[in-house]
Amino acid sequence: MAKTANAIVLLSGGMDSAWCAAEACAQHGAANVACCMPATDSGRNPREARAFREIADFYGVTQRLMVKLDHFRAIGGSALTDGSIAVPENGLSASGGHGSEIPVT
């Protein structure tokens, strides 16, 4: 019988979810943590998949799950599920009201 994880982390590969993985491992031990990666078949963000693997490797998390999000295509409006919407580049140096709009990702 497979052991059940004490913590499940939705690990997208960003700083916030990496911190959550670190906290979960510190509190429960890496053997008791499972990392879930939100995934689409579109292959829109291979850097996110690489970051997911590298962060899980770094903390020694072996329980890994890919959660398919293709059903979100029906809702639309996201660059992560719709190939016709460009994924925006980092615009931190651009002037304007950062945080005033909901990003397409």
PDB file of N, CA and C in Angstrom:
ATOM      1  N   MET A   1       0.836  -1.180   0.000  1.00  0.00           N
ATOM      2  CA  MET A   1       0.000   0.000   0.000  1.00  0.00           C
ATOM      3  C   MET A   1       0.883   1.247   0.000  1.00  0.00           C
ATOM      4  N   ALA A   2       0.586   2.205  -0.875  1.00  0.00           N
ATOM      5  CA  ALA A   2       1.381   3.421  -0.983  1.00  0.00           C
ATOM      6  C   ALA A   2       1.141   4.329   0.213  1.00  0.00           C
ATOM      7  N   LYS A   3       2.190   4.976   0.643  1.00  0.00           N
ATOM      8  CA  LYS A   3       2.082   5.901   1.768  1.00  0.00           C
ATOM      9  C   LYS A   3       1.417   7.196   1.310  1.00  0.00           C
ATOM     10  N   THR A   4       0.553   7.735   2.136  1.00  0.00           N
ATOM     11  CA  THR A   4      -0.136   8.981   1.835  1.00  0.00           C
ATOM     12  C   THR A   4       0.717  10.154   2.293  1.00  0.00           C
ATOM     13  N   ALA A   5       0.804  11.182   1.463  1.00  0.00           N
ATOM     14  CA  ALA A   5       1.563  12.378   1.820  1.00  0.00           C
ATOM     15  C   ALA A   5       0.847  13.143   2.923  1.00  0.00           C
ATOM     16  N   ASN A   6       1.626  13.765   3.799  1.00  0.00           N
ATOM     17  CA  ASN A   6       1.070  14.628   4.831  1.00  0.00           C
ATOM     18  C   ASN A   6       0.846  16.039   4.316  1.00  0.00           C
ATOM     19  N   ALA A   7       1.507  16.391   3.234  1.00  0.00           N
ATOM     20  CA  ALA A   7       1.360  17.724   2.651  1.00  0.00           C
ATOM     21  C   ALA A   7       1.377  17.609   1.136  1.00  0.00           C
ATOM     22  N   ILE A   8       0.521  18.380   0.504  1.00  0.00           N
ATOM     23  CA  ILE A   8       0.504  18.459  -0.958  1.00  0.00           C
ATOM     24  C   ILE A   8       0.748  19.913  -1.323  1.00  0.00           C
ATOM     25  N   VAL A   9       1.727  20.148  -2.183  1.00  0.00           N
ATOM     26  CA  VAL A   9       2.091  21.497  -2.601  1.00  0.00           C
ATOM     27  C   VAL A   9       1.793  21.660  -4.083  1.00  0.00           C
ATOM     28  N   LEU A  10       1.014  22.675  -4.428  1.00  0.00           N
ATOM     29  CA  LEU A  10       0.812  23.024  -5.828  1.00  0.00           C
ATOM     30  C   LEU A  10       2.044  23.827  -6.242  1.00  0.00           C
ATOM     31  N   LEU A  11       2.956  23.174  -6.937  1.00  0.00           N
ATOM     32  CA  LEU A  11       4.276  23.730  -7.244  1.00  0.00           C
ATOM     33  C   LEU A  11       4.337  24.158  -8.703  1.00  0.00           C
ATOM     34  N   SER A  12       4.213  25.456  -8.938  1.00  0.00           N
ATOM     35  CA  SER A  12       4.231  25.978 -10.301  1.00  0.00           C
ATOM     36  C   SER A  12       5.635  26.304 -10.774  1.00  0.00           C
ATOM     37  N   GLY A  13       6.591  26.331  -9.871  1.00  0.00           N
ATOM     38  CA  GLY A  13       7.960  26.673 -10.242  1.00  0.00           C
ATOM     39  C   GLY A  13       8.333  28.097  -9.886  1.00  0.00           C
ATOM     40  N   GLY A  14       7.406  28.866  -9.370  1.00  0.00           N
ATOM     41  CA  GLY A  14       7.690  30.245  -8.971  1.00  0.00           C
ATOM     42  C   GLY A  14       8.172  30.328  -7.538  1.00  0.00           C
ATOM     43  N   MET A  15       8.516  31.552  -7.131  1.00  0.00           N
ATOM     44  CA  MET A  15       9.070  31.765  -5.793  1.00  0.00           C
ATOM     45  C   MET A  15       8.086  31.412  -4.683  1.00  0.00           C
ATOM     46  N   ASP A  16       6.826  31.791  -4.847  1.00  0.00           N
ATOM     47  CA  ASP A  16       5.841  31.529  -3.792  1.00  0.00           C
ATOM     48  C   ASP A  16       5.658  30.039  -3.560  1.00  0.00           C
ATOM     49  N   SER A  17       5.493  29.293  -4.648  1.00  0.00           N
ATOM     50  CA  SER A  17       5.258  27.862  -4.469  1.00  0.00           C
ATOM     51  C   SER A  17       6.541  27.139  -4.051  1.00  0.00           C
ATOM     52  N   ALA A  18       7.715  27.657  -4.438  1.00  0.00           N
ATOM     53  CA  ALA A  18       8.984  27.070  -3.977  1.00  0.00           C
ATOM     54  C   ALA A  18       9.109  27.236  -2.464  1.00  0.00           C
ATOM     55  N   TRP A  19       8.704  28.408  -1.956  1.00  0.00           N
ATOM     56  CA  TRP A  19       8.719  28.638  -0.506  1.00  0.00           C
ATOM     57  C   TRP A  19       7.769  27.668   0.188  1.00  0.00           C
ATOM     58  N   CYS A  20       6.582  27.447  -0.400  1.00  0.00           N
ATOM     59  CA  CYS A  20       5.622  26.508   0.186  1.00  0.00           C
ATOM     60  C   CYS A  20       6.198  25.096   0.230  1.00  0.00           C
ATOM     61  N   ALA A  21       6.921  24.709  -0.807  1.00  0.00           N
ATOM     62  CA  ALA A  21       7.555  23.388  -0.826  1.00  0.00           C
ATOM     63  C   ALA A  21       8.607  23.292   0.277  1.00  0.00           C
ATOM     64  N   ALA A  22       9.386  24.354   0.458  1.00  0.00           N
ATOM     65  CA  ALA A  22      10.408  24.365   1.508  1.00  0.00           C
ATOM     66  C   ALA A  22       9.765  24.228   2.886  1.00  0.00           C
ATOM     67  N   GLU A  23       8.684  24.955   3.120  1.00  0.00           N
ATOM     68  CA  GLU A  23       7.980  24.897   4.410  1.00  0.00           C
ATOM     69  C   GLU A  23       7.385  23.509   4.648  1.00  0.00           C
ATOM     70  N   ALA A  24       6.771  22.953   3.610  1.00  0.00           N
ATOM     71  CA  ALA A  24       6.170  21.624   3.752  1.00  0.00           C
ATOM     72  C   ALA A  24       7.231  20.579   4.079  1.00  0.00           C
ATOM     73  N   CYS A  25       8.369  20.653   3.412  1.00  0.00           N
ATOM     74  CA  CYS A  25       9.455  19.703   3.674  1.00  0.00           C
ATOM     75  C   CYS A  25      10.028  19.897   5.071  1.00  0.00           C
ATOM     76  N   ALA A  26      10.148  21.152   5.506  1.00  0.00           N
ATOM     77  CA  ALA A  26      10.668  21.424   6.845  1.00  0.00           C
ATOM     78  C   ALA A  26       9.732  20.893   7.924  1.00  0.00           C
ATOM     79  N   GLN A  27       8.434  21.016   7.694  1.00  0.00           N
ATOM     80  CA  GLN A  27       7.464  20.602   8.700  1.00  0.00           C
ATOM     81  C   GLN A  27       7.151  19.110   8.680  1.00  0.00           C
ATOM     82  N   HIS A  28       7.154  18.500   7.489  1.00  0.00           N
ATOM     83  CA  HIS A  28       6.693  17.113   7.360  1.00  0.00           C
ATOM     84  C   HIS A  28       7.777  16.143   6.888  1.00  0.00           C
ATOM     85  N   GLY A  29       8.897  16.667   6.380  1.00  0.00           N
ATOM     86  CA  GLY A  29       9.921  15.821   5.779  1.00  0.00           C
ATOM     87  C   GLY A  29       9.584  15.546   4.326  1.00  0.00           C
ATOM     88  N   ALA A  30      10.593  15.542   3.465  1.00  0.00           N
ATOM     89  CA  ALA A  30      10.382  15.398   2.024  1.00  0.00           C
ATOM     90  C   ALA A  30       9.648  14.109   1.658  1.00  0.00           C
ATOM     91  N   ALA A  31       9.845  13.055   2.431  1.00  0.00           N
ATOM     92  CA  ALA A  31       9.178  11.777   2.150  1.00  0.00           C
ATOM     93  C   ALA A  31       7.672  11.859   2.360  1.00  0.00           C
ATOM     94  N   ASN A  32       7.222  12.889   3.080  1.00  0.00           N
ATOM     95  CA  ASN A  32       5.802  13.036   3.388  1.00  0.00           C
ATOM     96  C   ASN A  32       5.164  14.190   2.629  1.00  0.00           C
ATOM     97  N   VAL A  33       5.826  14.622   1.559  1.00  0.00           N
ATOM     98  CA  VAL A  33       5.324  15.740   0.750  1.00  0.00           C
ATOM     99  C   VAL A  33       5.121  15.253  -0.683  1.00  0.00           C
ATOM    100  N   ALA A  34       4.026  15.679  -1.281  1.00  0.00           N
ATOM    101  CA  ALA A  34       3.776  15.442  -2.703  1.00  0.00           C
ATOM    102  C   ALA A  34       3.680  16.806  -3.381  1.00  0.00           C
ATOM    103  N   CYS A  35       4.311  16.942  -4.537  1.00  0.00           N
ATOM    104  CA  CYS A  35       4.234  18.179  -5.309  1.00  0.00           C
ATOM    105  C   CYS A  35       3.357  17.941  -6.534  1.00  0.00           C
ATOM    106  N   CYS A  36       2.424  18.848  -6.754  1.00  0.00           N
ATOM    107  CA  CYS A  36       1.537  18.785  -7.911  1.00  0.00           C
ATOM    108  C   CYS A  36       1.881  19.934  -8.839  1.00  0.00           C
ATOM    109  N   MET A  37       2.010  19.638 -10.118  1.00  0.00           N
ATOM    110  CA  MET A  37       2.293  20.674 -11.097  1.00  0.00           C
ATOM    111  C   MET A  37       1.074  20.874 -11.979  1.00  0.00           C
ATOM    112  N   PRO A  38       0.570  22.121 -12.036  1.00  0.00           N
ATOM    113  CA  PRO A  38      -0.512  22.393 -12.984  1.00  0.00           C
ATOM    114  C   PRO A  38       0.057  22.311 -14.392  1.00  0.00           C
ATOM    115  N   ALA A  39      -0.552  21.517 -15.254  1.00  0.00           N
ATOM    116  CA  ALA A  39       0.016  21.287 -16.581  1.00  0.00           C
ATOM    117  C   ALA A  39      -1.047  21.362 -17.668  1.00  0.00           C
ATOM    118  N   THR A  40      -0.601  21.748 -18.851  1.00  0.00           N
ATOM    119  CA  THR A  40      -1.453  21.705 -20.033  1.00  0.00           C
ATOM    120  C   THR A  40      -0.719  20.932 -21.110  1.00  0.00           C
ATOM    121  N   ASP A  41      -1.460  20.436 -22.070  1.00  0.00           N
ATOM    122  CA  ASP A  41      -0.835  19.736 -23.189  1.00  0.00           C
ATOM    123  C   ASP A  41      -0.248  20.700 -24.204  1.00  0.00           C
ATOM    124  N   SER A  42      -0.484  21.992 -24.005  1.00  0.00           N
ATOM    125  CA  SER A  42      -0.035  22.962 -24.996  1.00  0.00           C
ATOM    126  C   SER A  42       1.474  23.162 -24.982  1.00  0.00           C
ATOM    127  N   GLY A  43       2.139  22.762 -23.885  1.00  0.00           N
ATOM    128  CA  GLY A  43       3.587  22.940 -23.809  1.00  0.00           C
ATOM    129  C   GLY A  43       3.994  24.393 -23.814  1.00  0.00           C
ATOM    130  N   ARG A  44       3.147  25.266 -23.304  1.00  0.00           N
ATOM    131  CA  ARG A  44       3.372  26.703 -23.382  1.00  0.00           C
ATOM    132  C   ARG A  44       4.530  27.176 -22.518  1.00  0.00           C
ATOM    133  N   ASN A  45       4.853  26.444 -21.441  1.00  0.00           N
ATOM    134  CA  ASN A  45       5.867  26.939 -20.545  1.00  0.00           C
ATOM    135  C   ASN A  45       6.815  25.837 -20.082  1.00  0.00           C
ATOM    136  N   PRO A  46       7.779  25.453 -20.949  1.00  0.00           N
ATOM    137  CA  PRO A  46       8.717  24.400 -20.547  1.00  0.00           C
ATOM    138  C   PRO A  46       9.613  24.832 -19.391  1.00  0.00           C
ATOM    139  N   ARG A  47       9.836  26.141 -19.216  1.00  0.00           N
ATOM    140  CA  ARG A  47      10.644  26.616 -18.080  1.00  0.00           C
ATOM    141  C   ARG A  47       9.958  26.286 -16.757  1.00  0.00           C
ATOM    142  N   GLU A  48       8.633  26.372 -16.728  1.00  0.00           N
ATOM    143  CA  GLU A  48       7.889  26.045 -15.520  1.00  0.00           C
ATOM    144  C   GLU A  48       8.047  24.569 -15.171  1.00  0.00           C
ATOM    145  N   ALA A  49       7.986  23.704 -16.174  1.00  0.00           N
ATOM    146  CA  ALA A  49       8.159  22.265 -15.940  1.00  0.00           C
ATOM    147  C   ALA A  49       9.567  21.969 -15.436  1.00  0.00           C
ATOM    148  N   ARG A  50      10.561  22.630 -16.015  1.00  0.00           N
ATOM    149  CA  ARG A  50      11.948  22.433 -15.567  1.00  0.00           C
ATOM    150  C   ARG A  50      12.115  22.924 -14.129  1.00  0.00           C
ATOM    151  N   ALA A  51      11.538  24.094 -13.801  1.00  0.00           N
ATOM    152  CA  ALA A  51      11.632  24.629 -12.439  1.00  0.00           C
ATOM    153  C   ALA A  51      10.954  23.677 -11.452  1.00  0.00           C
ATOM    154  N   PHE A  52       9.801  23.124 -11.838  1.00  0.00           N
ATOM    155  CA  PHE A  52       9.104  22.152 -10.991  1.00  0.00           C
ATOM    156  C   PHE A  52      10.022  20.994 -10.644  1.00  0.00           C
ATOM    157  N   ARG A  53      10.643  20.406 -11.668  1.00  0.00           N
ATOM    158  CA  ARG A  53      11.530  19.260 -11.445  1.00  0.00           C
ATOM    159  C   ARG A  53      12.730  19.643 -10.587  1.00  0.00           C
ATOM    160  N   GLU A  54      13.340  20.785 -10.879  1.00  0.00           N
ATOM    161  CA  GLU A  54      14.540  21.198 -10.147  1.00  0.00           C
ATOM    162  C   GLU A  54      14.241  21.505  -8.681  1.00  0.00           C
ATOM    163  N   ILE A  55      13.111  22.143  -8.407  1.00  0.00           N
ATOM    164  CA  ILE A  55      12.749  22.448  -7.017  1.00  0.00           C
ATOM    165  C   ILE A  55      12.440  21.159  -6.260  1.00  0.00           C
ATOM    166  N   ALA A  56      11.667  20.264  -6.880  1.00  0.00           N
ATOM    167  CA  ALA A  56      11.363  18.981  -6.236  1.00  0.00           C
ATOM    168  C   ALA A  56      12.643  18.186  -5.994  1.00  0.00           C
ATOM    169  N   ASP A  57      13.563  18.193  -6.966  1.00  0.00           N
ATOM    170  CA  ASP A  57      14.850  17.517  -6.796  1.00  0.00           C
ATOM    171  C   ASP A  57      15.632  18.122  -5.631  1.00  0.00           C
ATOM    172  N   PHE A  58      15.679  19.452  -5.572  1.00  0.00           N
ATOM    173  CA  PHE A  58      16.444  20.158  -4.543  1.00  0.00           C
ATOM    174  C   PHE A  58      15.977  19.762  -3.148  1.00  0.00           C
ATOM    175  N   TYR A  59      14.666  19.669  -2.958  1.00  0.00           N
ATOM    176  CA  TYR A  59      14.134  19.336  -1.638  1.00  0.00           C
ATOM    177  C   TYR A  59      13.984  17.830  -1.415  1.00  0.00           C
ATOM    178  N   GLY A  60      14.261  17.032  -2.443  1.00  0.00           N
ATOM    179  CA  GLY A  60      14.194  15.586  -2.302  1.00  0.00           C
ATOM    180  C   GLY A  60      12.788  15.017  -2.316  1.00  0.00           C
ATOM    181  N   VAL A  61      11.862  15.734  -2.940  1.00  0.00           N
ATOM    182  CA  VAL A  61      10.479  15.263  -3.024  1.00  0.00           C
ATOM    183  C   VAL A  61      10.365  14.297  -4.201  1.00  0.00           C
ATOM    184  N   THR A  62       9.963  13.076  -3.912  1.00  0.00           N
ATOM    185  CA  THR A  62       9.855  12.074  -4.976  1.00  0.00           C
ATOM    186  C   THR A  62       8.414  11.841  -5.426  1.00  0.00           C
ATOM    187  N   GLN A  63       7.437  12.221  -4.584  1.00  0.00           N
ATOM    188  CA  GLN A  63       6.035  12.069  -4.958  1.00  0.00           C
ATOM    189  C   GLN A  63       5.635  13.282  -5.792  1.00  0.00           C
ATOM    190  N   ARG A  64       5.437  13.064  -7.082  1.00  0.00           N
ATOM    191  CA  ARG A  64       5.146  14.163  -8.006  1.00  0.00           C
ATOM    192  C   ARG A  64       3.949  13.819  -8.873  1.00  0.00           C
ATOM    193  N   LEU A  65       3.076  14.791  -9.031  1.00  0.00           N
ATOM    194  CA  LEU A  65       1.862  14.597  -9.813  1.00  0.00           C
ATOM    195  C   LEU A  65       1.720  15.725 -10.827  1.00  0.00           C
ATOM    196  N   MET A  66       1.280  15.388 -12.032  1.00  0.00           N
ATOM    197  CA  MET A  66       0.954  16.387 -13.044  1.00  0.00           C
ATOM    198  C   MET A  66      -0.562  16.488 -13.089  1.00  0.00           C
ATOM    199  N   VAL A  67      -1.076  17.665 -12.852  1.00  0.00           N
ATOM    200  CA  VAL A  67      -2.514  17.891 -12.857  1.00  0.00           C
ATOM    201  C   VAL A  67      -2.866  18.594 -14.161  1.00  0.00           C
ATOM    202  N   LYS A  68      -3.570  17.891 -15.039  1.00  0.00           N
ATOM    203  CA  LYS A  68      -3.925  18.467 -16.340  1.00  0.00           C
ATOM    204  C   LYS A  68      -5.015  19.514 -16.185  1.00  0.00           C
ATOM    205  N   LEU A  69      -4.803  20.653 -16.811  1.00  0.00           N
ATOM    206  CA  LEU A  69      -5.745  21.765 -16.715  1.00  0.00           C
ATOM    207  C   LEU A  69      -6.374  22.102 -18.069  1.00  0.00           C
ATOM    208  N   ASP A  70      -6.358  21.151 -18.990  1.00  0.00           N
ATOM    209  CA  ASP A  70      -6.867  21.424 -20.334  1.00  0.00           C
ATOM    210  C   ASP A  70      -8.354  21.776 -20.357  1.00  0.00           C
ATOM    211  N   HIS A  71      -9.097  21.341 -19.338  1.00  0.00           N
ATOM    212  CA  HIS A  71     -10.519  21.670 -19.303  1.00  0.00           C
ATOM    213  C   HIS A  71     -10.750  23.176 -19.144  1.00  0.00           C
ATOM    214  N   PHE A  72      -9.717  23.913 -18.701  1.00  0.00           N
ATOM    215  CA  PHE A  72      -9.856  25.361 -18.581  1.00  0.00           C
ATOM    216  C   PHE A  72      -9.904  26.059 -19.949  1.00  0.00           C
ATOM    217  N   ARG A  73      -9.566  25.333 -21.020  1.00  0.00           N
ATOM    218  CA  ARG A  73      -9.690  25.910 -22.368  1.00  0.00           C
ATOM    219  C   ARG A  73     -11.124  26.336 -22.650  1.00  0.00           C
ATOM    220  N   ALA A  74     -12.078  25.615 -22.096  1.00  0.00           N
ATOM    221  CA  ALA A  74     -13.487  25.931 -22.328  1.00  0.00           C
ATOM    222  C   ALA A  74     -13.849  27.310 -21.784  1.00  0.00           C
ATOM    223  N   ILE A  75     -13.175  27.730 -20.727  1.00  0.00           N
ATOM    224  CA  ILE A  75     -13.419  29.055 -20.155  1.00  0.00           C
ATOM    225  C   ILE A  75     -12.729  30.122 -20.997  1.00  0.00           C
ATOM    226  N   GLY A  76     -11.484  29.832 -21.421  1.00  0.00           N
ATOM    227  CA  GLY A  76     -10.732  30.744 -22.277  1.00  0.00           C
ATOM    228  C   GLY A  76     -10.110  31.909 -21.525  1.00  0.00           C
ATOM    229  N   GLY A  77      -9.405  32.752 -22.277  1.00  0.00           N
ATOM    230  CA  GLY A  77      -8.836  33.964 -21.725  1.00  0.00           C
ATOM    231  C   GLY A  77      -7.489  33.817 -21.044  1.00  0.00           C
ATOM    232  N   SER A  78      -6.842  32.655 -21.135  1.00  0.00           N
ATOM    233  CA  SER A  78      -5.557  32.463 -20.486  1.00  0.00           C
ATOM    234  C   SER A  78      -4.493  32.076 -21.504  1.00  0.00           C
ATOM    235  N   ALA A  79      -3.352  32.745 -21.428  1.00  0.00           N
ATOM    236  CA  ALA A  79      -2.237  32.418 -22.311  1.00  0.00           C
ATOM    237  C   ALA A  79      -1.665  31.034 -21.999  1.00  0.00           C
ATOM    238  N   LEU A  80      -1.974  30.492 -20.832  1.00  0.00           N
ATOM    239  CA  LEU A  80      -1.460  29.179 -20.468  1.00  0.00           C
ATOM    240  C   LEU A  80      -2.226  28.038 -21.110  1.00  0.00           C
ATOM    241  N   THR A  81      -3.456  28.304 -21.568  1.00  0.00           N
ATOM    242  CA  THR A  81      -4.256  27.243 -22.182  1.00  0.00           C
ATOM    243  C   THR A  81      -4.678  27.549 -23.608  1.00  0.00           C
ATOM    244  N   ASP A  82      -4.465  28.767 -24.064  1.00  0.00           N
ATOM    245  CA  ASP A  82      -4.895  29.177 -25.401  1.00  0.00           C
ATOM    246  C   ASP A  82      -3.687  29.609 -26.223  1.00  0.00           C
ATOM    247  N   GLY A  83      -3.347  28.806 -27.229  1.00  0.00           N
ATOM    248  CA  GLY A  83      -2.183  29.080 -28.059  1.00  0.00           C
ATOM    249  C   GLY A  83      -2.272  30.361 -28.873  1.00  0.00           C
ATOM    250  N   SER A  84      -3.456  30.940 -29.003  1.00  0.00           N
ATOM    251  CA  SER A  84      -3.589  32.178 -29.772  1.00  0.00           C
ATOM    252  C   SER A  84      -3.287  33.420 -28.929  1.00  0.00           C
ATOM    253  N   ILE A  85      -3.102  33.255 -27.611  1.00  0.00           N
ATOM    254  CA  ILE A  85      -2.767  34.370 -26.724  1.00  0.00           C
ATOM    255  C   ILE A  85      -1.289  34.283 -26.371  1.00  0.00           C
ATOM    256  N   ALA A  86      -0.550  35.343 -26.631  1.00  0.00           N
ATOM    257  CA  ALA A  86       0.887  35.360 -26.357  1.00  0.00           C
ATOM    258  C   ALA A  86       1.140  35.392 -24.851  1.00  0.00           C
ATOM    259  N   VAL A  87       2.150  34.627 -24.406  1.00  0.00           N
ATOM    260  CA  VAL A  87       2.570  34.673 -23.007  1.00  0.00           C
ATOM    261  C   VAL A  87       3.401  35.941 -22.833  1.00  0.00           C
ATOM    262  N   PRO A  88       3.019  36.828 -21.915  1.00  0.00           N
ATOM    263  CA  PRO A  88       3.745  38.090 -21.762  1.00  0.00           C
ATOM    264  C   PRO A  88       5.136  37.881 -21.192  1.00  0.00           C
ATOM    265  N   GLU A  89       6.045  38.738 -21.604  1.00  0.00           N
ATOM    266  CA  GLU A  89       7.407  38.737 -21.073  1.00  0.00           C
ATOM    267  C   GLU A  89       7.419  39.552 -19.794  1.00  0.00           C
ATOM    268  N   ASN A  90       8.484  39.434 -19.022  1.00  0.00           N
ATOM    269  CA  ASN A  90       8.636  40.203 -17.796  1.00  0.00           C
ATOM    270  C   ASN A  90       8.646  41.685 -18.138  1.00  0.00           C
ATOM    271  N   GLY A  91       7.701  42.433 -17.611  1.00  0.00           N
ATOM    272  CA  GLY A  91       7.595  43.852 -17.900  1.00  0.00           C
ATOM    273  C   GLY A  91       7.885  44.727 -16.702  1.00  0.00           C
ATOM    274  N   LEU A  92       8.737  44.276 -15.792  1.00  0.00           N
ATOM    275  CA  LEU A  92       8.994  45.040 -14.583  1.00  0.00           C
ATOM    276  C   LEU A  92       9.667  46.381 -14.855  1.00  0.00           C
ATOM    277  N   SER A  93      10.421  46.457 -15.946  1.00  0.00           N
ATOM    278  CA  SER A  93      11.108  47.712 -16.235  1.00  0.00           C
ATOM    279  C   SER A  93      10.219  48.703 -16.974  1.00  0.00           C
ATOM    280  N   ALA A  94       9.075  48.234 -17.439  1.00  0.00           N
ATOM    281  CA  ALA A  94       8.166  49.105 -18.171  1.00  0.00           C
ATOM    282  C   ALA A  94       7.440  50.031 -17.186  1.00  0.00           C
ATOM    283  N   SER A  95       7.139  51.238 -17.669  1.00  0.00           N
ATOM    284  CA  SER A  95       6.393  52.152 -16.819  1.00  0.00           C
ATOM    285  C   SER A  95       4.918  51.774 -16.866  1.00  0.00           C
ATOM    286  N   GLY A  96       4.187  52.197 -15.895  1.00  0.00           N
ATOM    287  CA  GLY A  96       2.750  51.907 -15.861  1.00  0.00           C
ATOM    288  C   GLY A  96       2.329  51.354 -14.535  1.00  0.00           C
ATOM    289  N   GLY A  97       1.053  51.106 -14.417  1.00  0.00           N
ATOM    290  CA  GLY A  97       0.490  50.630 -13.166  1.00  0.00           C
ATOM    291  C   GLY A  97       0.591  49.144 -13.000  1.00  0.00           C
ATOM    292  N   HIS A  98       1.719  48.657 -12.517  1.00  0.00           N
ATOM    293  CA  HIS A  98       1.870  47.228 -12.273  1.00  0.00           C
ATOM    294  C   HIS A  98       0.845  46.792 -11.247  1.00  0.00           C
ATOM    295  N   GLY A  99       0.215  45.686 -11.510  1.00  0.00           N
ATOM    296  CA  GLY A  99      -0.792  45.171 -10.601  1.00  0.00           C
ATOM    297  C   GLY A  99      -2.178  45.758 -10.817  1.00  0.00           C
ATOM    298  N   SER A 100      -2.305  46.637 -11.803  1.00  0.00           N
ATOM    299  CA  SER A 100      -3.616  47.238 -12.019  1.00  0.00           C
ATOM    300  C   SER A 100      -4.475  46.414 -12.965  1.00  0.00           C
ATOM    301  N   GLU A 101      -3.883  45.435 -13.627  1.00  0.00           N
ATOM    302  CA  GLU A 101      -4.624  44.572 -14.548  1.00  0.00           C
ATOM    303  C   GLU A 101      -4.408  43.115 -14.173  1.00  0.00           C
ATOM    304  N   ILE A 102      -5.389  42.307 -14.474  1.00  0.00           N
ATOM    305  CA  ILE A 102      -5.231  40.877 -14.285  1.00  0.00           C
ATOM    306  C   ILE A 102      -4.447  40.346 -15.471  1.00  0.00           C
ATOM    307  N   PRO A 103      -3.300  39.653 -15.246  1.00  0.00           N
ATOM    308  CA  PRO A 103      -2.498  39.154 -16.365  1.00  0.00           C
ATOM    309  C   PRO A 103      -3.201  38.030 -17.109  1.00  0.00           C
ATOM    310  N   VAL A 104      -2.852  37.837 -18.380  1.00  0.00           N
ATOM    311  CA  VAL A 104      -3.471  36.796 -19.203  1.00  0.00           C
ATOM    312  C   VAL A 104      -2.985  35.403 -18.836  1.00  0.00           C
ATOM    313  N   THR A 105      -2.047  35.318 -17.918  1.00  0.00           N
ATOM    314  CA  THR A 105      -1.579  34.012 -17.466  1.00  0.00           C
ATOM    315  C   THR A 105      -2.259  33.640 -16.175  1.00  0.00           C
TER     316      THR A 105
END
